Each structure stands twice: as C-alpha cells, then as structure tokens.
Amino acid sequence: MSKSSLLTLGFMTFALFLGAGNVIFPPQLGQGSGEFFWPATIGFLITAVGLPALTLIAIGYMGGSEALTNKLPRAGHLLFWGVLFLSIGPLFSLPRTFSVSFEFIAKPFFADWALLPFSLVMAATTLFFALSPGKLMDRIGKILTPVLLLMLLFIAISAFLYPHGQLENTAEQYQSFAIASGLSEGYMTMDVLGAVGFGWLVINALKSAAPNAPVVPNLIKIVLISSVAMCFVYIAIAFVGANYGIVESNGGALLSNYMNWIYGTPGVLLMGIIVTLACLTTAIGLTCACAEFTSQNFKSINYKASTITIVAITTLVANLGLDLLIAITLPLVVVLHPVAISIILLGLFYLKRPLNGLVYSLTIAAAITGGIIDALKILGNMPEQLHNIFVNYLPLYQYNAGWIVPTLVVFAVANMLFQSREKAAQATA
C-alpha cells in the first residue's frame, strides 16, 4: 500500500474522531492542571488516544466490527448495534454536531432563528459526503483534514507567540494525582464508542484502497498516523488553555474568547469554522456508519434511503428536542461505554474459543451495572450515602471507571466456575 494512501486514510481516521467534544475537553484540562500540565496531558492522551487506537486495531484483528457480536444470537447482535447507533447517531451525537456548530459559527452573528437554515445547510453538506462512502478517503482525508489541521496549527502558533496569561491556582483534582485525573478526562471523551462505530468504515476504506494488502499491518500504520495527529491537536489546544488566565465555563468558550482577544471577530469566525469542520467530519462518519449498519442488517432498506432518513431525523432532533434527548440518552451513552469495552475484550477472548453464554452474560451484566453506577455519579444523581460507600470500597469509582474491577472479577470467577464444572463433568464421564 502506498505511503500517500496510508497518509490519506490516517487523516480520514483522525477527522472521523475529531468532534466538538474533542476540541472542548483539552483546553479545560490545560487550564486546570497548571504546573501539572504534562502529567495530566500524558494521562489524557493514554485514554483519549491510546484506548480508541487499541480498539480499532482489535477490531481489525478480529476481522471487522461485526465480529464483535457475530457469535451472539441475532437479537443480541441487533440490540447492541441498534442501541449503539441510535445513541451515537440521530438521537444524540449527530444532532449535537449540528447544534454545537451553530453555537460557534452562526449564533454569535445571528439570532436563534438561524438554527433551522443552518441545520439544513449542515444536513445537505453531510448528505453530499455521506451518500458516496467510497469517496470518503479522498473527500475527508485529502481535503477537509489538511484544512482543519492547518487552522489548528495556526491557533497553536498564536498561543505560543501570544500567551494570554496563567491562572494562579491549580484545580484541586490535579493536585493529588494529575496523571489519574488526566486518564479520567481522556476516558470521558468516550471515543471507544466512536472507534466501534467507525471501525467498519476505516476497514472498508482500507480494503477498497488496497484489496490484496494485509489488513492489520496497514491498519496499525493508519492508526499510528491518526494518533500522532490527534496527540498534536490535543497538546496544542491544551497549551492554549494552560496559557489563558480567565476561568471560562467550558473549553469552547475559552478557545473562542482567546481568539477574540487576539484577532477580534475574524478570530471568533475562524474558531467557528474549525469547530464546524470538526463537527462535519464526525457527522459524515457517524451517518455513514449508521446507514451501513441499517442497510446491511435490514435488506429492505438500502444505503441511500438509510442515509437520507438518518440525516432527516438528525435535523429534526437538532431543532426540536435536543436538550430533552440529551438528558434521556446521555446516561445511556455513559452506560454503553463499559459495555462496548467489555464486548471488545470478550470478542478477543472468544475469538478462537467456543462462546460460553453464561460467562458472557454475567460479564455484560456486571459491565451494565457498573456503567449505571458511573452514570449516576457523572450526572450528579448518586445518593450521598451510596456515594460515600463507593468512594471507600469501589476501586476507580472516583475516576468514573468503577465498573472495571467488578466486571473483571465477575468474568474471572464465572470463567473459573465454568472450567471447574467442565473438568468435573469430564472426570465423571
């Protein structure tokens, strides 16, 4: 496979991941971490870049996204993918790309009435790219991504040449163990869900570009290119936050106000273009992934019809009920994260073993339970008594990853019990 194709695919993969949330998180981390900037940033990169990268490689090793659930009954397969794609698709992540873009590029210059025409423009642009998934590599990897990277490079250089200032106090969460706080912040980007959703897009694009080339070695190179680009972006915009001396409500406001401080209205407009491009590339990828799933699993619905329907629902939700749907679906997205990671690990474990339904079910049940606990904590709905118990007795609970240890314990115990029963049955036979 040629180096130019690898570079283009790497840029395409990078652009699929770089959504609005990925631009907003790092400035907050940079501003809050203060003197602990590098430990916190390294922790962030491990989970925000490393975890999704390993997920993509694991999916490639297993033979594609569908391999994650191909040993499950069809109902289980459809339930997992259906809930995943509805959550990261037209009921949550996709409408958010439209509304966040509007907040940055249109709302500062127009009133709320402009949301509908802006959404229609976003919808038309998303459809233009998504209706030709075979051209994603050329259109995103060769056109949109280089433009986006150049703009982000411009902001990074500006922050280096014109630092705004620094806060005197480091946020409390970074003072005791900065790396762990960074790990938690990176984990909360939830890009593992994106990796699961985008997995087949990347692998299909790879197979189209080089039909006879080995998938996994080339996928590793593509993921490496994407990860290096993502690390550059994260470090650069975290650096902006580290050198901005006014506390802002979120990372997006920080970046926008910083650009306004240096360049005035043109700076705000540039920031809006960057966020819109980041949202657009993510919207295109999510639309393609959702439409691919629908057309492959429901033969009566073709890819074109799926794409148009998904974008239409997204536009409707972005204009009518996004706040309510976010309130409903955000807990589901948080719970899906540990479930997706567990399904990936179980898929690797059972890749060359016969599936044990009992072990699988108990492990997923533990992941769901742990995910619900983490969701209640993240959303601030955990009862105080339970919160105090979990702080003292549930490992990693404070880092929004309380599901990990119980899920591993349930898997190990269930697997040992099954093996013991199997050996006992063989001995008595």
Protein backbone atom coordinates (compact mmCIF):
# COMPACT_ATOMS: atom_id res chain seq x y z
CA MET A 1 0.00 0.00 0.00
CA SER A 2 1.42 3.40 -0.98
CA LYS A 3 2.55 5.92 1.60
CA SER A 4 0.17 8.56 0.22
CA SER A 5 -2.81 6.20 0.63
CA LEU A 6 -1.77 5.39 4.18
CA LEU A 7 -1.40 9.09 4.98
CA THR A 8 -4.81 9.91 3.46
CA LEU A 9 -6.50 7.08 5.38
CA GLY A 10 -4.75 8.15 8.57
CA PHE A 11 -6.01 11.72 8.11
CA MET A 12 -9.51 10.43 7.37
CA THR A 13 -9.50 8.37 10.59
CA PHE A 14 -8.25 11.36 12.56
CA ALA A 15 -11.04 13.56 11.16
CA LEU A 16 -13.74 11.00 11.98
CA PHE A 17 -12.72 11.10 15.64
CA LEU A 18 -12.16 14.85 15.99
CA GLY A 19 -15.59 16.12 17.02
CA ALA A 20 -16.62 19.15 19.03
CA GLY A 21 -16.12 17.39 22.36
CA ASN A 22 -12.55 16.56 21.43
CA VAL A 23 -11.83 20.23 20.82
CA ILE A 24 -13.54 21.38 24.04
CA PHE A 25 -12.05 18.94 26.61
CA PRO A 26 -8.28 19.68 26.30
CA PRO A 27 -8.38 23.47 26.95
CA GLN A 28 -10.18 22.81 30.24
CA LEU A 29 -7.54 20.27 31.20
CA GLY A 30 -4.73 22.63 30.21
CA GLN A 31 -6.16 25.49 32.23
CA GLY A 32 -6.97 23.43 35.31
CA SER A 33 -3.76 21.39 35.52
CA GLY A 34 -1.37 24.36 35.89
CA GLU A 35 2.11 23.17 36.90
CA PHE A 36 0.95 19.57 36.43
CA PHE A 37 0.27 20.17 32.72
CA TRP A 38 2.43 17.36 31.34
CA PRO A 39 1.42 14.55 33.74
CA ALA A 40 -2.26 15.43 33.23
CA THR A 41 -1.85 15.66 29.45
CA ILE A 42 0.00 12.35 29.26
CA GLY A 43 -2.79 10.67 31.23
CA PHE A 44 -5.35 12.25 28.92
CA LEU A 45 -3.54 11.03 25.80
CA ILE A 46 -3.34 7.46 27.11
CA THR A 47 -7.11 7.08 27.34
CA ALA A 48 -8.33 9.64 24.77
CA VAL A 49 -5.92 8.50 22.02
CA GLY A 50 -4.46 5.15 23.11
CA LEU A 51 -7.71 3.41 24.08
CA PRO A 52 -9.58 4.18 20.82
CA ALA A 53 -6.44 3.28 18.82
CA LEU A 54 -6.20 -0.13 20.51
CA THR A 55 -9.93 -0.61 19.93
CA LEU A 56 -9.57 -0.04 16.18
CA ILE A 57 -6.61 -2.43 15.99
CA ALA A 58 -8.52 -5.06 17.98
CA ILE A 59 -11.50 -4.74 15.62
CA GLY A 60 -9.16 -5.17 12.64
CA TYR A 61 -7.54 -8.21 14.24
CA MET A 62 -10.96 -9.80 14.78
CA GLY A 63 -11.93 -9.21 11.16
CA GLY A 64 -14.21 -6.19 11.43
CA SER A 65 -16.81 -4.59 13.68
CA GLU A 66 -19.41 -7.28 13.02
CA ALA A 67 -17.04 -9.86 14.51
CA LEU A 68 -17.63 -8.32 17.94
CA THR A 69 -21.12 -9.80 18.10
CA ASN A 70 -21.22 -12.48 15.40
CA LYS A 71 -21.31 -15.28 17.99
CA LEU A 72 -24.36 -13.80 19.72
CA PRO A 73 -27.95 -14.61 18.79
CA ARG A 74 -29.28 -12.27 16.11
CA ALA A 75 -31.47 -10.50 18.70
CA GLY A 76 -28.41 -9.74 20.88
CA HIS A 77 -26.44 -8.58 17.84
CA LEU A 78 -29.20 -6.21 16.71
CA LEU A 79 -29.86 -4.93 20.25
CA PHE A 80 -26.24 -3.91 20.87
CA TRP A 81 -25.65 -2.30 17.48
CA GLY A 82 -29.12 -0.74 17.34
CA VAL A 83 -28.74 0.96 20.73
CA LEU A 84 -25.17 2.00 19.90
CA PHE A 85 -26.01 3.59 16.57
CA LEU A 86 -29.17 5.29 17.82
CA SER A 87 -27.13 6.78 20.69
CA ILE A 88 -24.11 7.93 18.70
CA GLY A 89 -26.34 8.61 15.70
CA PRO A 90 -29.60 10.52 15.19
CA LEU A 91 -30.73 10.60 18.83
CA PHE A 92 -27.62 12.11 20.45
CA SER A 93 -24.23 12.62 18.84
CA LEU A 94 -25.37 13.59 15.34
CA PRO A 95 -27.84 16.33 16.41
CA ARG A 96 -25.17 17.62 18.79
CA THR A 97 -22.75 18.13 15.87
CA PHE A 98 -25.35 20.39 14.21
CA SER A 99 -26.23 22.36 17.34
CA VAL A 100 -22.64 22.82 18.55
CA SER A 101 -21.57 24.05 15.10
CA PHE A 102 -24.44 26.55 15.18
CA GLU A 103 -23.40 27.81 18.63
CA PHE A 104 -19.87 28.58 17.40
CA ILE A 105 -20.22 29.82 13.83
CA ALA A 106 -23.75 31.19 13.44
CA LYS A 107 -25.22 32.17 16.79
CA PRO A 108 -22.54 34.85 17.56
CA PHE A 109 -23.62 36.67 14.38
CA PHE A 110 -27.32 35.75 14.09
CA ALA A 111 -30.21 35.06 16.46
CA ASP A 112 -31.69 31.65 17.33
CA TRP A 113 -33.97 31.84 14.27
CA ALA A 114 -30.96 30.89 12.12
CA LEU A 115 -30.77 27.37 13.62
CA LEU A 116 -33.16 25.86 11.08
CA PRO A 117 -31.50 27.22 7.91
CA PHE A 118 -28.08 26.43 9.38
CA SER A 119 -29.18 22.84 10.16
CA LEU A 120 -30.45 22.42 6.61
CA VAL A 121 -27.07 23.54 5.25
CA MET A 122 -25.30 21.09 7.57
CA ALA A 123 -27.72 18.34 6.54
CA ALA A 124 -27.15 18.98 2.83
CA THR A 125 -23.37 19.03 3.27
CA THR A 126 -23.43 15.83 5.34
CA LEU A 127 -25.58 14.12 2.71
CA PHE A 128 -23.24 15.23 -0.09
CA PHE A 129 -20.32 13.43 1.55
CA ALA A 130 -22.18 10.51 3.15
CA LEU A 131 -24.04 9.39 0.01
CA SER A 132 -20.70 8.42 -1.55
CA PRO A 133 -18.93 6.43 1.20
CA GLY A 134 -16.40 5.11 -1.31
CA LYS A 135 -15.10 8.67 -1.73
CA LEU A 136 -14.67 9.37 1.99
CA MET A 137 -10.92 8.81 1.83
CA ASP A 138 -10.49 11.41 -0.93
CA ARG A 139 -13.02 13.97 0.32
CA ILE A 140 -12.16 13.90 4.03
CA GLY A 141 -8.58 12.60 4.06
CA LYS A 142 -7.33 14.79 1.19
CA ILE A 143 -9.48 17.91 1.54
CA LEU A 144 -11.16 18.55 4.88
CA THR A 145 -8.50 17.17 7.24
CA PRO A 146 -5.48 19.12 5.91
CA VAL A 147 -7.53 22.35 6.10
CA LEU A 148 -8.57 21.54 9.67
CA LEU A 149 -5.00 20.72 10.73
CA LEU A 150 -3.64 23.95 9.24
CA MET A 151 -6.21 26.01 11.13
CA LEU A 152 -5.43 24.22 14.40
CA LEU A 153 -1.71 24.75 13.75
CA PHE A 154 -2.44 28.47 13.36
CA ILE A 155 -4.12 28.55 16.79
CA ALA A 156 -1.21 26.63 18.37
CA ILE A 157 1.35 29.10 16.94
CA SER A 158 -0.80 32.02 18.10
CA ALA A 159 -0.92 30.62 21.65
CA PHE A 160 2.87 30.18 21.65
CA LEU A 161 3.54 33.71 20.38
CA TYR A 162 0.76 35.49 22.30
CA PRO A 163 0.04 33.76 25.63
CA HIS A 164 -2.88 35.38 27.42
CA GLY A 165 -1.69 34.53 30.93
CA GLN A 166 -1.95 31.76 33.51
CA LEU A 167 -4.24 31.05 36.42
CA GLU A 168 -2.57 31.17 39.81
CA ASN A 169 -4.35 28.14 41.26
CA THR A 170 -4.30 24.57 40.01
CA ALA A 171 -7.65 22.77 40.10
CA GLU A 172 -7.91 20.52 43.16
CA GLN A 173 -8.43 17.33 41.15
CA TYR A 174 -4.93 17.66 39.62
CA GLN A 175 -3.05 18.41 42.83
CA SER A 176 -3.03 14.92 44.31
CA PHE A 177 -2.60 12.71 41.25
CA ALA A 178 -2.52 14.60 37.96
CA ILE A 179 -1.98 11.55 35.73
CA ALA A 180 -5.06 9.78 37.13
CA SER A 181 -7.18 12.89 36.58
CA GLY A 182 -5.89 13.09 33.01
CA LEU A 183 -6.74 9.41 32.49
CA SER A 184 -10.28 10.08 33.71
CA GLU A 185 -10.72 13.15 31.47
CA GLY A 186 -9.49 11.21 28.42
CA TYR A 187 -11.75 8.28 29.24
CA MET A 188 -14.73 10.66 29.32
CA THR A 189 -14.25 11.59 25.64
CA MET A 190 -15.84 8.14 25.09
CA ASP A 191 -14.07 7.77 21.75
CA VAL A 192 -14.08 3.99 22.20
CA LEU A 193 -17.74 4.15 21.13
CA GLY A 194 -16.61 6.10 18.09
CA ALA A 195 -13.93 3.50 17.34
CA VAL A 196 -16.53 0.72 17.48
CA GLY A 197 -18.89 2.71 15.25
CA PHE A 198 -16.24 3.88 12.77
CA GLY A 199 -14.38 0.55 12.71
CA TRP A 200 -16.06 -0.82 9.61
CA LEU A 201 -15.72 2.50 7.76
CA VAL A 202 -11.96 2.56 8.26
CA ILE A 203 -11.53 -1.13 7.43
CA ASN A 204 -13.79 -0.88 4.35
CA ALA A 205 -11.85 2.17 3.13
CA LEU A 206 -8.60 0.27 3.68
CA LYS A 207 -9.86 -2.76 1.75
CA SER A 208 -11.08 -0.54 -1.09
CA ALA A 209 -7.74 1.24 -1.34
CA ALA A 210 -5.68 -1.97 -1.22
CA PRO A 211 -7.87 -5.08 -1.79
CA ASN A 212 -4.97 -7.55 -1.63
CA ALA A 213 -2.98 -5.91 1.19
CA PRO A 214 -2.95 -7.40 4.72
CA VAL A 215 -5.44 -5.51 6.86
CA VAL A 216 -3.89 -5.48 10.34
CA PRO A 217 -0.33 -4.26 9.50
CA ASN A 218 -1.71 -1.42 7.37
CA LEU A 219 -4.39 -0.62 9.93
CA ILE A 220 -1.69 -0.23 12.59
CA LYS A 221 0.10 2.31 10.37
CA ILE A 222 -3.15 4.18 9.72
CA VAL A 223 -3.98 4.26 13.43
CA LEU A 224 -0.45 5.49 14.20
CA ILE A 225 -0.82 8.41 11.75
CA SER A 226 -4.23 9.28 13.16
CA SER A 227 -2.97 9.05 16.76
CA VAL A 228 0.05 11.29 16.11
CA ALA A 229 -2.22 13.93 14.53
CA MET A 230 -4.67 13.64 17.42
CA CYS A 231 -1.87 13.99 20.00
CA PHE A 232 -0.63 17.12 18.24
CA VAL A 233 -4.11 18.68 18.31
CA TYR A 234 -4.76 17.76 21.94
CA ILE A 235 -1.41 19.09 23.17
CA ALA A 236 -1.73 22.28 21.11
CA ILE A 237 -5.20 23.26 22.34
CA ALA A 238 -4.42 22.13 25.90
CA PHE A 239 -1.46 24.55 25.68
CA VAL A 240 -3.90 27.34 24.76
CA GLY A 241 -5.85 26.57 27.93
CA ALA A 242 -2.69 26.46 30.02
CA ASN A 243 -1.86 29.98 28.87
CA TYR A 244 -5.26 31.59 29.29
CA GLY A 245 -5.75 33.49 32.53
CA ILE A 246 -9.54 33.81 32.84
CA VAL A 247 -11.77 31.00 34.07
CA GLU A 248 -14.38 30.10 31.43
CA SER A 249 -17.48 27.91 31.66
CA ASN A 250 -16.12 25.38 29.14
CA GLY A 251 -13.27 24.76 26.74
CA GLY A 252 -15.21 26.02 23.75
CA ALA A 253 -15.80 29.41 25.34
CA LEU A 254 -12.12 29.53 26.33
CA LEU A 255 -10.90 28.96 22.76
CA SER A 256 -13.45 31.35 21.27
CA ASN A 257 -12.66 34.14 23.76
CA TYR A 258 -8.93 33.61 23.31
CA MET A 259 -9.26 34.01 19.53
CA ASN A 260 -11.44 37.07 20.07
CA TRP A 261 -8.79 38.54 22.40
CA ILE A 262 -6.09 38.26 19.72
CA TYR A 263 -7.94 38.68 16.42
CA GLY A 264 -11.39 40.05 17.29
CA THR A 265 -14.35 38.99 15.15
CA PRO A 266 -12.19 37.24 12.47
CA GLY A 267 -10.72 35.09 15.26
CA VAL A 268 -14.19 34.12 16.51
CA LEU A 269 -15.18 33.27 12.92
CA LEU A 270 -12.04 31.14 12.44
CA MET A 271 -12.80 29.25 15.66
CA GLY A 272 -16.34 28.69 14.40
CA ILE A 273 -15.04 27.29 11.11
CA ILE A 274 -12.69 24.92 12.97
CA VAL A 275 -15.45 23.59 15.22
CA THR A 276 -17.85 23.29 12.27
CA LEU A 277 -15.31 21.33 10.21
CA ALA A 278 -14.61 19.06 13.18
CA CYS A 279 -18.35 18.51 13.69
CA LEU A 280 -18.94 18.00 9.97
CA THR A 281 -16.33 15.26 9.58
CA THR A 282 -17.74 13.47 12.62
CA ALA A 283 -21.31 13.87 11.32
CA ILE A 284 -20.32 12.38 7.97
CA GLY A 285 -18.63 9.40 9.61
CA LEU A 286 -21.50 8.74 12.02
CA THR A 287 -24.07 8.98 9.22
CA CYS A 288 -22.13 6.53 7.04
CA ALA A 289 -21.64 4.08 9.92
CA CYS A 290 -25.33 4.17 10.93
CA ALA A 291 -26.50 3.80 7.32
CA GLU A 292 -24.09 0.91 6.69
CA PHE A 293 -25.44 -0.94 9.73
CA THR A 294 -29.07 -0.37 8.73
CA SER A 295 -28.63 -1.37 5.08
CA GLN A 296 -26.60 -4.49 5.96
CA ASN A 297 -28.97 -5.77 8.64
CA PHE A 298 -32.30 -4.77 7.10
CA LYS A 299 -32.14 -5.69 3.44
CA SER A 300 -35.40 -3.90 2.63
CA ILE A 301 -33.74 -0.53 3.41
CA ASN A 302 -30.96 0.49 1.03
CA TYR A 303 -27.97 2.65 1.93
CA LYS A 304 -29.28 5.81 0.23
CA ALA A 305 -32.67 5.64 1.95
CA SER A 306 -30.98 4.98 5.31
CA THR A 307 -28.67 7.96 4.88
CA ILE A 308 -31.47 10.37 3.98
CA THR A 309 -33.66 9.12 6.87
CA ILE A 310 -30.84 9.42 9.42
CA VAL A 311 -29.96 12.97 8.35
CA ALA A 312 -33.65 13.98 8.32
CA ILE A 313 -34.18 12.70 11.89
CA THR A 314 -30.95 14.38 12.98
CA THR A 315 -32.11 17.74 11.58
CA LEU A 316 -35.48 17.39 13.27
CA VAL A 317 -33.98 16.49 16.64
CA ALA A 318 -31.39 19.28 16.46
CA ASN A 319 -34.21 21.81 16.04
CA LEU A 320 -36.98 20.45 18.26
CA GLY A 321 -35.83 18.37 21.18
CA LEU A 322 -32.08 18.11 21.60
CA ASP A 323 -31.95 19.15 25.27
CA LEU A 324 -34.57 16.59 26.27
CA LEU A 325 -32.99 13.84 24.19
CA ILE A 326 -29.55 14.61 25.62
CA ALA A 327 -30.99 14.31 29.13
CA ILE A 328 -32.50 10.94 28.19
CA THR A 329 -29.69 9.48 26.08
CA LEU A 330 -26.56 10.77 27.85
CA PRO A 331 -26.90 8.20 30.68
CA LEU A 332 -27.35 5.51 28.02
CA VAL A 333 -24.18 6.64 26.22
CA VAL A 334 -22.25 6.56 29.52
CA VAL A 335 -23.50 3.03 30.25
CA LEU A 336 -22.72 1.89 26.70
CA HIS A 337 -19.05 2.79 27.09
CA PRO A 338 -18.13 -0.01 29.57
CA VAL A 339 -20.43 -2.41 27.69
CA ALA A 340 -18.61 -1.70 24.42
CA ILE A 341 -15.18 -2.16 26.00
CA SER A 342 -16.34 -5.43 27.61
CA ILE A 343 -17.74 -6.72 24.30
CA ILE A 344 -14.42 -5.93 22.57
CA LEU A 345 -12.43 -7.82 25.23
CA LEU A 346 -14.89 -10.72 25.23
CA GLY A 347 -14.72 -10.81 21.44
CA LEU A 348 -10.93 -11.16 21.62
CA PHE A 349 -11.17 -13.80 24.38
CA TYR A 350 -13.70 -15.92 22.46
CA LEU A 351 -12.20 -15.30 19.02
CA LYS A 352 -10.74 -18.83 18.89
CA ARG A 353 -12.77 -20.36 21.72
CA PRO A 354 -16.37 -21.57 21.80
CA LEU A 355 -18.64 -18.90 23.28
CA ASN A 356 -19.86 -19.56 26.81
CA GLY A 357 -23.20 -17.77 27.06
CA LEU A 358 -23.32 -17.80 30.87
CA VAL A 359 -19.87 -16.21 31.32
CA TYR A 360 -20.61 -13.71 28.55
CA SER A 361 -23.99 -12.72 30.00
CA LEU A 362 -22.73 -12.36 33.58
CA THR A 363 -19.80 -10.22 32.42
CA ILE A 364 -22.02 -7.90 30.37
CA ALA A 365 -24.50 -7.67 33.27
CA ALA A 366 -21.65 -6.59 35.56
CA ALA A 367 -20.49 -4.00 32.99
CA ILE A 368 -24.04 -2.61 32.69
CA THR A 369 -24.41 -2.42 36.49
CA GLY A 370 -21.04 -0.70 36.85
CA GLY A 371 -21.90 1.63 33.96
CA ILE A 372 -25.15 2.65 35.68
CA ILE A 373 -23.21 3.43 38.87
CA ASP A 374 -20.72 5.55 36.92
CA ALA A 375 -23.53 7.29 35.01
CA LEU A 376 -25.29 8.25 38.23
CA LYS A 377 -22.03 9.69 39.59
CA ILE A 378 -21.14 11.59 36.40
CA LEU A 379 -24.63 13.07 36.15
CA GLY A 380 -24.66 14.03 39.85
CA ASN A 381 -27.60 11.76 40.71
CA MET A 382 -25.85 9.31 43.03
CA PRO A 383 -27.43 9.28 46.54
CA GLU A 384 -24.94 10.65 49.08
CA GLN A 385 -24.88 7.53 51.25
CA LEU A 386 -24.13 5.26 48.31
CA HIS A 387 -21.58 7.76 47.01
CA ASN A 388 -19.66 7.60 50.30
CA ILE A 389 -19.74 3.79 50.28
CA PHE A 390 -18.48 3.61 46.69
CA VAL A 391 -15.73 6.18 47.38
CA ASN A 392 -14.40 3.96 50.17
CA TYR A 393 -14.94 0.49 48.74
CA LEU A 394 -15.27 0.60 44.93
CA PRO A 395 -11.87 0.90 43.16
CA LEU A 396 -11.61 3.60 40.46
CA TYR A 397 -15.06 4.98 41.29
CA GLN A 398 -13.63 8.47 41.80
CA TYR A 399 -12.19 8.32 38.26
CA ASN A 400 -15.54 7.40 36.64
CA ALA A 401 -14.36 3.86 35.99
CA GLY A 402 -15.87 1.97 38.90
CA TRP A 403 -17.18 -0.71 36.53
CA ILE A 404 -13.73 -2.10 35.66
CA VAL A 405 -12.76 -4.12 38.75
CA PRO A 406 -16.22 -5.69 39.40
CA THR A 407 -16.55 -6.67 35.73
CA LEU A 408 -13.11 -8.29 35.70
CA VAL A 409 -13.85 -10.12 38.95
CA VAL A 410 -17.21 -11.42 37.65
CA PHE A 411 -15.59 -12.59 34.41
CA ALA A 412 -12.71 -14.33 36.21
CA VAL A 413 -14.94 -16.04 38.79
CA ALA A 414 -17.56 -17.12 36.24
CA ASN A 415 -14.86 -18.42 33.91
CA MET A 416 -13.19 -20.40 36.72
CA LEU A 417 -16.51 -21.89 37.86
CA PHE A 418 -17.32 -22.92 34.31
CA GLN A 419 -13.92 -24.53 33.83
CA SER A 420 -14.28 -26.37 37.17
CA ARG A 421 -17.71 -27.68 36.16
CA GLU A 422 -16.38 -28.76 32.79
CA LYS A 423 -13.45 -30.64 34.36
CA ALA A 424 -15.78 -32.30 36.89
CA ALA A 425 -18.13 -33.38 34.09
CA GLN A 426 -15.19 -34.82 32.12
CA ALA A 427 -13.94 -36.71 35.21
CA THR A 428 -17.31 -38.37 35.83
CA ALA A 429 -17.86 -39.21 32.17
